[in-house]
All heavy atoms as atom14 arrays in JSON, in Angstrom:
{
  "sequence": "VGVAVSLVGAMISETETSNAKGLGFSILSQVQTGNVADLWILLLLSSL",
  "atom14_mask": [
    [1, 1, 1, 1, 1, 1, 1, 0, 0, 0, 0, 0, 0, 0],
    [1, 1, 1, 1, 0, 0, 0, 0, 0, 0, 0, 0, 0, 0],
    [1, 1, 1, 1, 1, 1, 1, 0, 0, 0, 0, 0, 0, 0],
    [1, 1, 1, 1, 1, 0, 0, 0, 0, 0, 0, 0, 0, 0],
    [1, 1, 1, 1, 1, 1, 1, 0, 0, 0, 0, 0, 0, 0],
    [1, 1, 1, 1, 1, 1, 0, 0, 0, 0, 0, 0, 0, 0],
    [1, 1, 1, 1, 1, 1, 1, 1, 0, 0, 0, 0, 0, 0],
    [1, 1, 1, 1, 1, 1, 1, 0, 0, 0, 0, 0, 0, 0],
    [1, 1, 1, 1, 0, 0, 0, 0, 0, 0, 0, 0, 0, 0],
    [1, 1, 1, 1, 1, 0, 0, 0, 0, 0, 0, 0, 0, 0],
    [1, 1, 1, 1, 1, 1, 1, 1, 0, 0, 0, 0, 0, 0],
    [1, 1, 1, 1, 1, 1, 1, 1, 0, 0, 0, 0, 0, 0],
    [1, 1, 1, 1, 1, 1, 0, 0, 0, 0, 0, 0, 0, 0],
    [1, 1, 1, 1, 1, 1, 1, 1, 1, 0, 0, 0, 0, 0],
    [1, 1, 1, 1, 1, 1, 1, 0, 0, 0, 0, 0, 0, 0],
    [1, 1, 1, 1, 1, 1, 1, 1, 1, 0, 0, 0, 0, 0],
    [1, 1, 1, 1, 1, 1, 1, 0, 0, 0, 0, 0, 0, 0],
    [1, 1, 1, 1, 1, 1, 0, 0, 0, 0, 0, 0, 0, 0],
    [1, 1, 1, 1, 1, 1, 1, 1, 0, 0, 0, 0, 0, 0],
    [1, 1, 1, 1, 1, 0, 0, 0, 0, 0, 0, 0, 0, 0],
    [1, 1, 1, 1, 1, 1, 1, 1, 1, 0, 0, 0, 0, 0],
    [1, 1, 1, 1, 0, 0, 0, 0, 0, 0, 0, 0, 0, 0],
    [1, 1, 1, 1, 1, 1, 1, 1, 0, 0, 0, 0, 0, 0],
    [1, 1, 1, 1, 0, 0, 0, 0, 0, 0, 0, 0, 0, 0],
    [1, 1, 1, 1, 1, 1, 1, 1, 1, 1, 1, 0, 0, 0],
    [1, 1, 1, 1, 1, 1, 0, 0, 0, 0, 0, 0, 0, 0],
    [1, 1, 1, 1, 1, 1, 1, 1, 0, 0, 0, 0, 0, 0],
    [1, 1, 1, 1, 1, 1, 1, 1, 0, 0, 0, 0, 0, 0],
    [1, 1, 1, 1, 1, 1, 0, 0, 0, 0, 0, 0, 0, 0],
    [1, 1, 1, 1, 1, 1, 1, 1, 1, 0, 0, 0, 0, 0],
    [1, 1, 1, 1, 1, 1, 1, 0, 0, 0, 0, 0, 0, 0],
    [1, 1, 1, 1, 1, 1, 1, 1, 1, 0, 0, 0, 0, 0],
    [1, 1, 1, 1, 1, 1, 1, 0, 0, 0, 0, 0, 0, 0],
    [1, 1, 1, 1, 0, 0, 0, 0, 0, 0, 0, 0, 0, 0],
    [1, 1, 1, 1, 1, 1, 1, 1, 0, 0, 0, 0, 0, 0],
    [1, 1, 1, 1, 1, 1, 1, 0, 0, 0, 0, 0, 0, 0],
    [1, 1, 1, 1, 1, 0, 0, 0, 0, 0, 0, 0, 0, 0],
    [1, 1, 1, 1, 1, 1, 1, 1, 0, 0, 0, 0, 0, 0],
    [1, 1, 1, 1, 1, 1, 1, 1, 0, 0, 0, 0, 0, 0],
    [1, 1, 1, 1, 1, 1, 1, 1, 1, 1, 1, 1, 1, 1],
    [1, 1, 1, 1, 1, 1, 1, 1, 0, 0, 0, 0, 0, 0],
    [1, 1, 1, 1, 1, 1, 1, 1, 0, 0, 0, 0, 0, 0],
    [1, 1, 1, 1, 1, 1, 1, 1, 0, 0, 0, 0, 0, 0],
    [1, 1, 1, 1, 1, 1, 1, 1, 0, 0, 0, 0, 0, 0],
    [1, 1, 1, 1, 1, 1, 1, 1, 0, 0, 0, 0, 0, 0],
    [1, 1, 1, 1, 1, 1, 0, 0, 0, 0, 0, 0, 0, 0],
    [1, 1, 1, 1, 1, 1, 0, 0, 0, 0, 0, 0, 0, 0],
    [1, 1, 1, 1, 1, 1, 1, 1, 0, 0, 0, 0, 0, 0]
  ],
  "atom14_positions": [
    [[2.85, -19.35, -27.07], [4.12, -18.96, -27.59], [4.07, -17.52, -28.0], [4.97, -16.7, -27.72], [4.58, -19.85, -28.79], [5.78, -19.33, -29.39], [4.87, -21.27, -28.35], [0.0, 0.0, 0.0], [0.0, 0.0, 0.0], [0.0, 0.0, 0.0], [0.0, 0.0, 0.0], [0.0, 0.0, 0.0], [0.0, 0.0, 0.0], [0.0, 0.0, 0.0]],
    [[2.93, -17.1, -28.69], [2.76, -15.81, -29.15], [2.8, -14.77, -27.98], [3.26, -13.69, -28.1], [0.0, 0.0, 0.0], [0.0, 0.0, 0.0], [0.0, 0.0, 0.0], [0.0, 0.0, 0.0], [0.0, 0.0, 0.0], [0.0, 0.0, 0.0], [0.0, 0.0, 0.0], [0.0, 0.0, 0.0], [0.0, 0.0, 0.0], [0.0, 0.0, 0.0]],
    [[2.11, -15.13, -26.92], [2.04, -14.26, -25.63], [3.41, -14.03, -25.13], [3.79, -12.94, -24.71], [0.98, -14.87, -24.63], [1.27, -14.26, -23.25], [-0.4, -14.74, -25.14], [0.0, 0.0, 0.0], [0.0, 0.0, 0.0], [0.0, 0.0, 0.0], [0.0, 0.0, 0.0], [0.0, 0.0, 0.0], [0.0, 0.0, 0.0], [0.0, 0.0, 0.0]],
    [[4.14, -15.04, -25.0], [5.54, -14.96, -24.36], [6.38, -14.15, -25.32], [7.15, -13.3, -24.86], [6.09, -16.37, -24.17], [0.0, 0.0, 0.0], [0.0, 0.0, 0.0], [0.0, 0.0, 0.0], [0.0, 0.0, 0.0], [0.0, 0.0, 0.0], [0.0, 0.0, 0.0], [0.0, 0.0, 0.0], [0.0, 0.0, 0.0], [0.0, 0.0, 0.0]],
    [[6.28, -14.35, -26.65], [7.2, -13.59, -27.54], [6.75, -12.12, -27.57], [7.58, -11.25, -27.73], [7.18, -14.24, -28.94], [7.86, -13.38, -29.95], [7.85, -15.65, -28.86], [0.0, 0.0, 0.0], [0.0, 0.0, 0.0], [0.0, 0.0, 0.0], [0.0, 0.0, 0.0], [0.0, 0.0, 0.0], [0.0, 0.0, 0.0], [0.0, 0.0, 0.0]],
    [[5.5, -11.86, -27.56], [5.04, -10.54, -27.61], [5.43, -9.69, -26.36], [5.7, -8.52, -26.47], [3.51, -10.42, -27.73], [2.85, -10.94, -26.62], [0.0, 0.0, 0.0], [0.0, 0.0, 0.0], [0.0, 0.0, 0.0], [0.0, 0.0, 0.0], [0.0, 0.0, 0.0], [0.0, 0.0, 0.0], [0.0, 0.0, 0.0], [0.0, 0.0, 0.0]],
    [[5.52, -10.43, -25.22], [6.0, -9.74, -23.98], [7.5, -9.41, -24.16], [7.89, -8.23, -23.89], [5.84, -10.59, -22.81], [6.39, -10.12, -21.46], [5.57, -8.9, -21.03], [6.32, -11.16, -20.35], [0.0, 0.0, 0.0], [0.0, 0.0, 0.0], [0.0, 0.0, 0.0], [0.0, 0.0, 0.0], [0.0, 0.0, 0.0], [0.0, 0.0, 0.0]],
    [[8.23, -10.27, -24.65], [9.66, -9.95, -24.91], [9.81, -8.83, -26.02], [10.5, -7.93, -25.75], [10.47, -11.23, -25.4], [11.9, -10.86, -25.83], [10.49, -12.23, -24.23], [0.0, 0.0, 0.0], [0.0, 0.0, 0.0], [0.0, 0.0, 0.0], [0.0, 0.0, 0.0], [0.0, 0.0, 0.0], [0.0, 0.0, 0.0], [0.0, 0.0, 0.0]],
    [[9.0, -8.87, -26.97], [9.01, -7.88, -28.07], [8.64, -6.45, -27.5], [9.24, -5.42, -27.87], [0.0, 0.0, 0.0], [0.0, 0.0, 0.0], [0.0, 0.0, 0.0], [0.0, 0.0, 0.0], [0.0, 0.0, 0.0], [0.0, 0.0, 0.0], [0.0, 0.0, 0.0], [0.0, 0.0, 0.0], [0.0, 0.0, 0.0], [0.0, 0.0, 0.0]],
    [[7.68, -6.47, -26.55], [7.24, -5.23, -26.01], [8.33, -4.58, -25.14], [8.63, -3.41, -25.14], [6.0, -5.37, -25.17], [0.0, 0.0, 0.0], [0.0, 0.0, 0.0], [0.0, 0.0, 0.0], [0.0, 0.0, 0.0], [0.0, 0.0, 0.0], [0.0, 0.0, 0.0], [0.0, 0.0, 0.0], [0.0, 0.0, 0.0], [0.0, 0.0, 0.0]],
    [[9.0, -5.45, -24.42], [10.12, -4.98, -23.49], [11.28, -4.5, -24.34], [11.88, -3.49, -23.99], [10.56, -6.06, -22.58], [9.5, -6.41, -21.52], [9.89, -7.77, -20.49], [11.46, -7.37, -19.85], [0.0, 0.0, 0.0], [0.0, 0.0, 0.0], [0.0, 0.0, 0.0], [0.0, 0.0, 0.0], [0.0, 0.0, 0.0], [0.0, 0.0, 0.0]],
    [[11.64, -5.17, -25.39], [12.69, -4.67, -26.26], [12.32, -3.34, -26.97], [13.17, -2.33, -27.06], [13.04, -5.76, -27.4], [13.7, -6.99, -26.69], [13.95, -5.21, -28.41], [13.91, -8.14, -27.53], [0.0, 0.0, 0.0], [0.0, 0.0, 0.0], [0.0, 0.0, 0.0], [0.0, 0.0, 0.0], [0.0, 0.0, 0.0], [0.0, 0.0, 0.0]],
    [[11.14, -3.28, -27.44], [10.7, -1.94, -28.07], [10.69, -0.8, -27.03], [10.96, 0.33, -27.42], [9.36, -2.13, -28.67], [8.29, -2.27, -27.76], [0.0, 0.0, 0.0], [0.0, 0.0, 0.0], [0.0, 0.0, 0.0], [0.0, 0.0, 0.0], [0.0, 0.0, 0.0], [0.0, 0.0, 0.0], [0.0, 0.0, 0.0], [0.0, 0.0, 0.0]],
    [[10.49, -1.17, -25.8], [10.49, -0.07, -24.77], [11.88, 0.48, -24.56], [12.16, 1.62, -24.25], [9.98, -0.49, -23.37], [8.4, -0.65, -23.44], [7.96, -1.42, -22.18], [8.81, -1.86, -21.36], [6.7, -1.51, -21.98], [0.0, 0.0, 0.0], [0.0, 0.0, 0.0], [0.0, 0.0, 0.0], [0.0, 0.0, 0.0], [0.0, 0.0, 0.0]],
    [[12.9, -0.41, -24.71], [14.27, 0.04, -24.53], [14.71, 0.93, -25.71], [15.49, 1.89, -25.44], [15.23, -1.12, -24.49], [15.16, -1.9, -25.69], [14.88, -2.05, -23.33], [0.0, 0.0, 0.0], [0.0, 0.0, 0.0], [0.0, 0.0, 0.0], [0.0, 0.0, 0.0], [0.0, 0.0, 0.0], [0.0, 0.0, 0.0], [0.0, 0.0, 0.0]],
    [[14.22, 0.68, -26.84], [14.58, 1.53, -28.08], [13.79, 2.82, -28.13], [14.33, 3.84, -28.67], [14.28, 0.78, -29.35], [15.11, -0.53, -29.45], [16.63, -0.21, -29.4], [17.04, 0.82, -30.03], [17.37, -1.03, -28.87], [0.0, 0.0, 0.0], [0.0, 0.0, 0.0], [0.0, 0.0, 0.0], [0.0, 0.0, 0.0], [0.0, 0.0, 0.0]],
    [[12.65, 2.95, -27.62], [11.8, 4.14, -27.66], [12.11, 5.09, -26.48], [11.55, 6.2, -26.46], [10.29, 3.83, -27.81], [9.93, 3.06, -26.61], [10.04, 3.04, -29.0], [0.0, 0.0, 0.0], [0.0, 0.0, 0.0], [0.0, 0.0, 0.0], [0.0, 0.0, 0.0], [0.0, 0.0, 0.0], [0.0, 0.0, 0.0], [0.0, 0.0, 0.0]],
    [[12.77, 4.63, -25.54], [13.03, 5.39, -24.35], [11.75, 5.78, -23.52], [11.64, 6.88, -23.09], [13.93, 6.58, -24.66], [15.12, 6.26, -25.16], [0.0, 0.0, 0.0], [0.0, 0.0, 0.0], [0.0, 0.0, 0.0], [0.0, 0.0, 0.0], [0.0, 0.0, 0.0], [0.0, 0.0, 0.0], [0.0, 0.0, 0.0], [0.0, 0.0, 0.0]],
    [[10.79, 4.95, -23.54], [9.58, 5.01, -22.71], [9.99, 4.87, -21.24], [10.16, 3.8, -20.79], [8.56, 4.06, -23.19], [7.28, 4.23, -22.48], [7.09, 5.3, -21.75], [6.33, 3.37, -22.77], [0.0, 0.0, 0.0], [0.0, 0.0, 0.0], [0.0, 0.0, 0.0], [0.0, 0.0, 0.0], [0.0, 0.0, 0.0], [0.0, 0.0, 0.0]],
    [[10.11, 6.0, -20.57], [10.58, 5.89, -19.21], [9.59, 5.17, -18.22], [10.01, 4.79, -17.06], [10.79, 7.33, -18.64], [0.0, 0.0, 0.0], [0.0, 0.0, 0.0], [0.0, 0.0, 0.0], [0.0, 0.0, 0.0], [0.0, 0.0, 0.0], [0.0, 0.0, 0.0], [0.0, 0.0, 0.0], [0.0, 0.0, 0.0], [0.0, 0.0, 0.0]],
    [[8.41, 4.91, -18.63], [7.47, 4.18, -17.73], [7.38, 2.74, -18.01], [6.71, 2.04, -17.35], [6.04, 4.81, -17.94], [5.99, 6.26, -17.46], [4.61, 6.8, -17.59], [4.49, 8.27, -17.1], [3.1, 8.75, -17.23], [0.0, 0.0, 0.0], [0.0, 0.0, 0.0], [0.0, 0.0, 0.0], [0.0, 0.0, 0.0], [0.0, 0.0, 0.0]],
    [[8.13, 2.27, -19.0], [8.05, 0.89, -19.37], [9.02, 0.01, -18.55], [10.06, 0.43, -18.06], [0.0, 0.0, 0.0], [0.0, 0.0, 0.0], [0.0, 0.0, 0.0], [0.0, 0.0, 0.0], [0.0, 0.0, 0.0], [0.0, 0.0, 0.0], [0.0, 0.0, 0.0], [0.0, 0.0, 0.0], [0.0, 0.0, 0.0], [0.0, 0.0, 0.0]],
    [[8.69, -1.26, -18.6], [9.5, -2.28, -17.82], [10.86, -2.52, -18.48], [11.87, -2.61, -17.86], [8.74, -3.52, -17.68], [9.23, -4.68, -16.74], [9.36, -4.14, -15.33], [8.37, -5.91, -16.84], [0.0, 0.0, 0.0], [0.0, 0.0, 0.0], [0.0, 0.0, 0.0], [0.0, 0.0, 0.0], [0.0, 0.0, 0.0], [0.0, 0.0, 0.0]],
    [[10.86, -2.49, -19.85], [12.17, -2.76, -20.59], [13.06, -1.6, -20.33], [14.28, -1.78, -20.18], [0.0, 0.0, 0.0], [0.0, 0.0, 0.0], [0.0, 0.0, 0.0], [0.0, 0.0, 0.0], [0.0, 0.0, 0.0], [0.0, 0.0, 0.0], [0.0, 0.0, 0.0], [0.0, 0.0, 0.0], [0.0, 0.0, 0.0], [0.0, 0.0, 0.0]],
    [[12.56, -0.39, -20.34], [13.44, 0.8, -20.08], [13.92, 0.75, -18.67], [15.09, 1.06, -18.41], [12.7, 2.02, -20.36], [13.57, 3.31, -20.24], [14.41, 3.68, -21.19], [13.51, 4.08, -19.04], [15.16, 4.8, -21.11], [14.26, 5.23, -18.93], [15.09, 5.59, -19.94], [0.0, 0.0, 0.0], [0.0, 0.0, 0.0], [0.0, 0.0, 0.0]],
    [[13.26, 0.35, -17.68], [13.57, 0.26, -16.36], [14.72, -0.75, -16.18], [15.72, -0.54, -15.54], [12.42, -0.03, -15.37], [11.41, 0.94, -15.55], [0.0, 0.0, 0.0], [0.0, 0.0, 0.0], [0.0, 0.0, 0.0], [0.0, 0.0, 0.0], [0.0, 0.0, 0.0], [0.0, 0.0, 0.0], [0.0, 0.0, 0.0], [0.0, 0.0, 0.0]],
    [[14.51, -1.92, -16.84], [15.69, -2.85, -16.83], [16.92, -2.4, -17.28], [17.93, -2.47, -16.76], [15.2, -4.16, -17.45], [14.08, -4.89, -16.66], [16.31, -5.11, -17.69], [13.43, -6.03, -17.39], [0.0, 0.0, 0.0], [0.0, 0.0, 0.0], [0.0, 0.0, 0.0], [0.0, 0.0, 0.0], [0.0, 0.0, 0.0], [0.0, 0.0, 0.0]],
    [[16.78, -1.72, -18.54], [18.0, -1.13, -19.18], [18.67, -0.1, -18.31], [19.84, -0.05, -18.17], [17.66, -0.57, -20.52], [18.83, 0.02, -21.34], [19.68, -1.14, -21.73], [18.29, 0.61, -22.56], [0.0, 0.0, 0.0], [0.0, 0.0, 0.0], [0.0, 0.0, 0.0], [0.0, 0.0, 0.0], [0.0, 0.0, 0.0], [0.0, 0.0, 0.0]],
    [[17.89, 0.76, -17.75], [18.48, 1.84, -16.82], [19.14, 1.21, -15.58], [20.17, 1.73, -15.07], [17.44, 2.81, -16.44], [16.39, 2.26, -15.63], [0.0, 0.0, 0.0], [0.0, 0.0, 0.0], [0.0, 0.0, 0.0], [0.0, 0.0, 0.0], [0.0, 0.0, 0.0], [0.0, 0.0, 0.0], [0.0, 0.0, 0.0], [0.0, 0.0, 0.0]],
    [[18.55, 0.11, -15.03], [19.2, -0.53, -13.86], [20.49, -1.17, -14.31], [21.41, -1.26, -13.42], [18.24, -1.52, -13.22], [17.02, -0.79, -12.62], [17.29, 0.24, -11.67], [18.2, 0.19, -10.86], [16.45, 1.28, -11.77], [0.0, 0.0, 0.0], [0.0, 0.0, 0.0], [0.0, 0.0, 0.0], [0.0, 0.0, 0.0], [0.0, 0.0, 0.0]],
    [[20.51, -1.75, -15.53], [21.76, -2.34, -15.96], [22.83, -1.25, -16.04], [24.03, -1.43, -15.69], [21.54, -3.06, -17.25], [22.92, -3.38, -17.99], [20.7, -4.35, -16.98], [0.0, 0.0, 0.0], [0.0, 0.0, 0.0], [0.0, 0.0, 0.0], [0.0, 0.0, 0.0], [0.0, 0.0, 0.0], [0.0, 0.0, 0.0], [0.0, 0.0, 0.0]],
    [[22.53, -0.14, -16.65], [23.49, 1.0, -16.87], [23.96, 1.61, -15.59], [25.05, 1.99, -15.52], [22.82, 2.03, -17.76], [22.68, 1.54, -19.2], [21.84, 2.61, -20.07], [21.34, 3.44, -19.5], [21.88, 2.39, -21.32], [0.0, 0.0, 0.0], [0.0, 0.0, 0.0], [0.0, 0.0, 0.0], [0.0, 0.0, 0.0], [0.0, 0.0, 0.0]],
    [[23.07, 1.61, -14.57], [23.6, 2.21, -13.31], [24.28, 1.19, -12.4], [24.82, 1.52, -11.35], [22.32, 2.87, -12.5], [21.33, 1.86, -12.32], [21.75, 3.99, -13.31], [0.0, 0.0, 0.0], [0.0, 0.0, 0.0], [0.0, 0.0, 0.0], [0.0, 0.0, 0.0], [0.0, 0.0, 0.0], [0.0, 0.0, 0.0], [0.0, 0.0, 0.0]],
    [[24.08, -0.07, -12.73], [24.69, -1.11, -11.96], [23.96, -1.51, -10.61], [24.49, -2.02, -9.78], [0.0, 0.0, 0.0], [0.0, 0.0, 0.0], [0.0, 0.0, 0.0], [0.0, 0.0, 0.0], [0.0, 0.0, 0.0], [0.0, 0.0, 0.0], [0.0, 0.0, 0.0], [0.0, 0.0, 0.0], [0.0, 0.0, 0.0], [0.0, 0.0, 0.0]],
    [[22.64, -1.19, -10.65], [21.82, -1.56, -9.49], [21.31, -2.95, -9.62], [20.22, -3.18, -10.21], [20.66, -0.53, -9.39], [19.98, -0.61, -8.03], [20.25, -1.54, -7.27], [19.1, 0.38, -7.77], [0.0, 0.0, 0.0], [0.0, 0.0, 0.0], [0.0, 0.0, 0.0], [0.0, 0.0, 0.0], [0.0, 0.0, 0.0], [0.0, 0.0, 0.0]],
    [[22.09, -3.87, -9.08], [21.81, -5.28, -9.28], [20.45, -5.79, -8.56], [19.73, -6.59, -9.14], [22.96, -6.17, -8.91], [22.66, -7.66, -9.08], [24.17, -5.73, -9.65], [0.0, 0.0, 0.0], [0.0, 0.0, 0.0], [0.0, 0.0, 0.0], [0.0, 0.0, 0.0], [0.0, 0.0, 0.0], [0.0, 0.0, 0.0], [0.0, 0.0, 0.0]],
    [[20.25, -5.27, -7.43], [19.1, -5.71, -6.64], [17.74, -5.26, -7.34], [16.91, -6.14, -7.47], [19.1, -5.11, -5.21], [0.0, 0.0, 0.0], [0.0, 0.0, 0.0], [0.0, 0.0, 0.0], [0.0, 0.0, 0.0], [0.0, 0.0, 0.0], [0.0, 0.0, 0.0], [0.0, 0.0, 0.0], [0.0, 0.0, 0.0], [0.0, 0.0, 0.0]],
    [[17.73, -4.14, -7.8], [16.49, -3.68, -8.48], [16.35, -4.36, -9.85], [15.21, -4.59, -10.31], [16.53, -2.15, -8.76], [16.26, -1.34, -7.43], [15.73, -2.05, -6.49], [16.5, -0.16, -7.42], [0.0, 0.0, 0.0], [0.0, 0.0, 0.0], [0.0, 0.0, 0.0], [0.0, 0.0, 0.0], [0.0, 0.0, 0.0], [0.0, 0.0, 0.0]],
    [[17.53, -4.65, -10.51], [17.46, -5.41, -11.73], [16.85, -6.81, -11.56], [16.06, -7.15, -12.38], [18.92, -5.55, -12.29], [19.03, -6.28, -13.59], [18.39, -5.7, -14.76], [20.49, -6.5, -13.92], [0.0, 0.0, 0.0], [0.0, 0.0, 0.0], [0.0, 0.0, 0.0], [0.0, 0.0, 0.0], [0.0, 0.0, 0.0], [0.0, 0.0, 0.0]],
    [[17.25, -7.46, -10.48], [16.75, -8.74, -10.28], [15.14, -8.69, -9.96], [14.42, -9.56, -10.4], [17.42, -9.5, -9.16], [18.66, -10.2, -9.55], [19.89, -9.8, -9.44], [18.76, -11.35, -10.35], [20.83, -10.69, -9.98], [20.06, -11.71, -10.61], [17.82, -12.2, -10.87], [20.51, -12.75, -11.3], [18.17, -13.35, -11.58], [19.48, -13.61, -11.76]],
    [[14.78, -7.74, -9.17], [13.35, -7.54, -8.95], [12.61, -7.27, -10.24], [11.5, -7.87, -10.52], [13.16, -6.37, -8.0], [13.65, -6.78, -6.59], [11.68, -5.98, -7.9], [13.75, -5.56, -5.65], [0.0, 0.0, 0.0], [0.0, 0.0, 0.0], [0.0, 0.0, 0.0], [0.0, 0.0, 0.0], [0.0, 0.0, 0.0], [0.0, 0.0, 0.0]],
    [[13.16, -6.47, -11.17], [12.45, -6.15, -12.46], [12.38, -7.44, -13.31], [11.41, -7.7, -14.0], [13.12, -5.06, -13.13], [12.98, -3.72, -12.55], [13.81, -2.68, -13.19], [11.52, -3.29, -12.54], [0.0, 0.0, 0.0], [0.0, 0.0, 0.0], [0.0, 0.0, 0.0], [0.0, 0.0, 0.0], [0.0, 0.0, 0.0], [0.0, 0.0, 0.0]],
    [[13.47, -8.25, -13.3], [13.54, -9.47, -14.1], [12.47, -10.51, -13.51], [11.83, -11.16, -14.29], [14.97, -10.05, -14.09], [15.92, -9.29, -14.94], [17.37, -9.95, -14.73], [15.55, -9.25, -16.4], [0.0, 0.0, 0.0], [0.0, 0.0, 0.0], [0.0, 0.0, 0.0], [0.0, 0.0, 0.0], [0.0, 0.0, 0.0], [0.0, 0.0, 0.0]],
    [[12.42, -10.56, -12.18], [11.39, -11.46, -11.65], [10.09, -10.97, -11.9], [9.13, -11.82, -12.13], [11.75, -11.62, -10.21], [12.93, -12.36, -9.76], [13.12, -12.29, -8.17], [12.82, -13.84, -10.23], [0.0, 0.0, 0.0], [0.0, 0.0, 0.0], [0.0, 0.0, 0.0], [0.0, 0.0, 0.0], [0.0, 0.0, 0.0], [0.0, 0.0, 0.0]],
    [[9.84, -9.74, -11.92], [8.51, -9.15, -12.18], [8.14, -9.39, -13.6], [6.99, -9.84, -13.84], [8.53, -7.61, -11.9], [7.24, -6.92, -12.25], [6.13, -7.42, -11.21], [7.34, -5.41, -12.1], [0.0, 0.0, 0.0], [0.0, 0.0, 0.0], [0.0, 0.0, 0.0], [0.0, 0.0, 0.0], [0.0, 0.0, 0.0], [0.0, 0.0, 0.0]],
    [[9.04, -9.3, -14.54], [8.75, -9.57, -15.96], [8.57, -10.97, -16.26], [7.64, -11.37, -17.02], [9.82, -9.04, -16.9], [11.08, -9.73, -16.64], [0.0, 0.0, 0.0], [0.0, 0.0, 0.0], [0.0, 0.0, 0.0], [0.0, 0.0, 0.0], [0.0, 0.0, 0.0], [0.0, 0.0, 0.0], [0.0, 0.0, 0.0], [0.0, 0.0, 0.0]],
    [[9.23, -11.91, -15.57], [8.98, -13.4, -15.68], [7.56, -13.71, -15.06], [6.9, -14.61, -15.65], [10.09, -14.25, -15.03], [10.15, -13.95, -13.66], [0.0, 0.0, 0.0], [0.0, 0.0, 0.0], [0.0, 0.0, 0.0], [0.0, 0.0, 0.0], [0.0, 0.0, 0.0], [0.0, 0.0, 0.0], [0.0, 0.0, 0.0], [0.0, 0.0, 0.0]],
    [[7.26, -12.99, -13.95], [5.9, -13.23, -13.32], [4.82, -12.84, -14.29], [3.76, -13.5, -14.45], [5.86, -12.53, -12.03], [4.64, -12.76, -11.27], [4.51, -14.26, -10.77], [4.54, -11.85, -10.05], [0.0, 0.0, 0.0], [0.0, 0.0, 0.0], [0.0, 0.0, 0.0], [0.0, 0.0, 0.0], [0.0, 0.0, 0.0], [0.0, 0.0, 0.0]]
  ]
}
């Protein structure tokens, strides 16, 4: 449970710190640009 929650926490913290190399920031930027295909790829990658 801790591993799964820490992954989610790391992705959320990446969106707040604007770390352009992080997975969370990439997901947020794809949502803002409306690029659905890349968004699904990033979501599948994070679940993997």
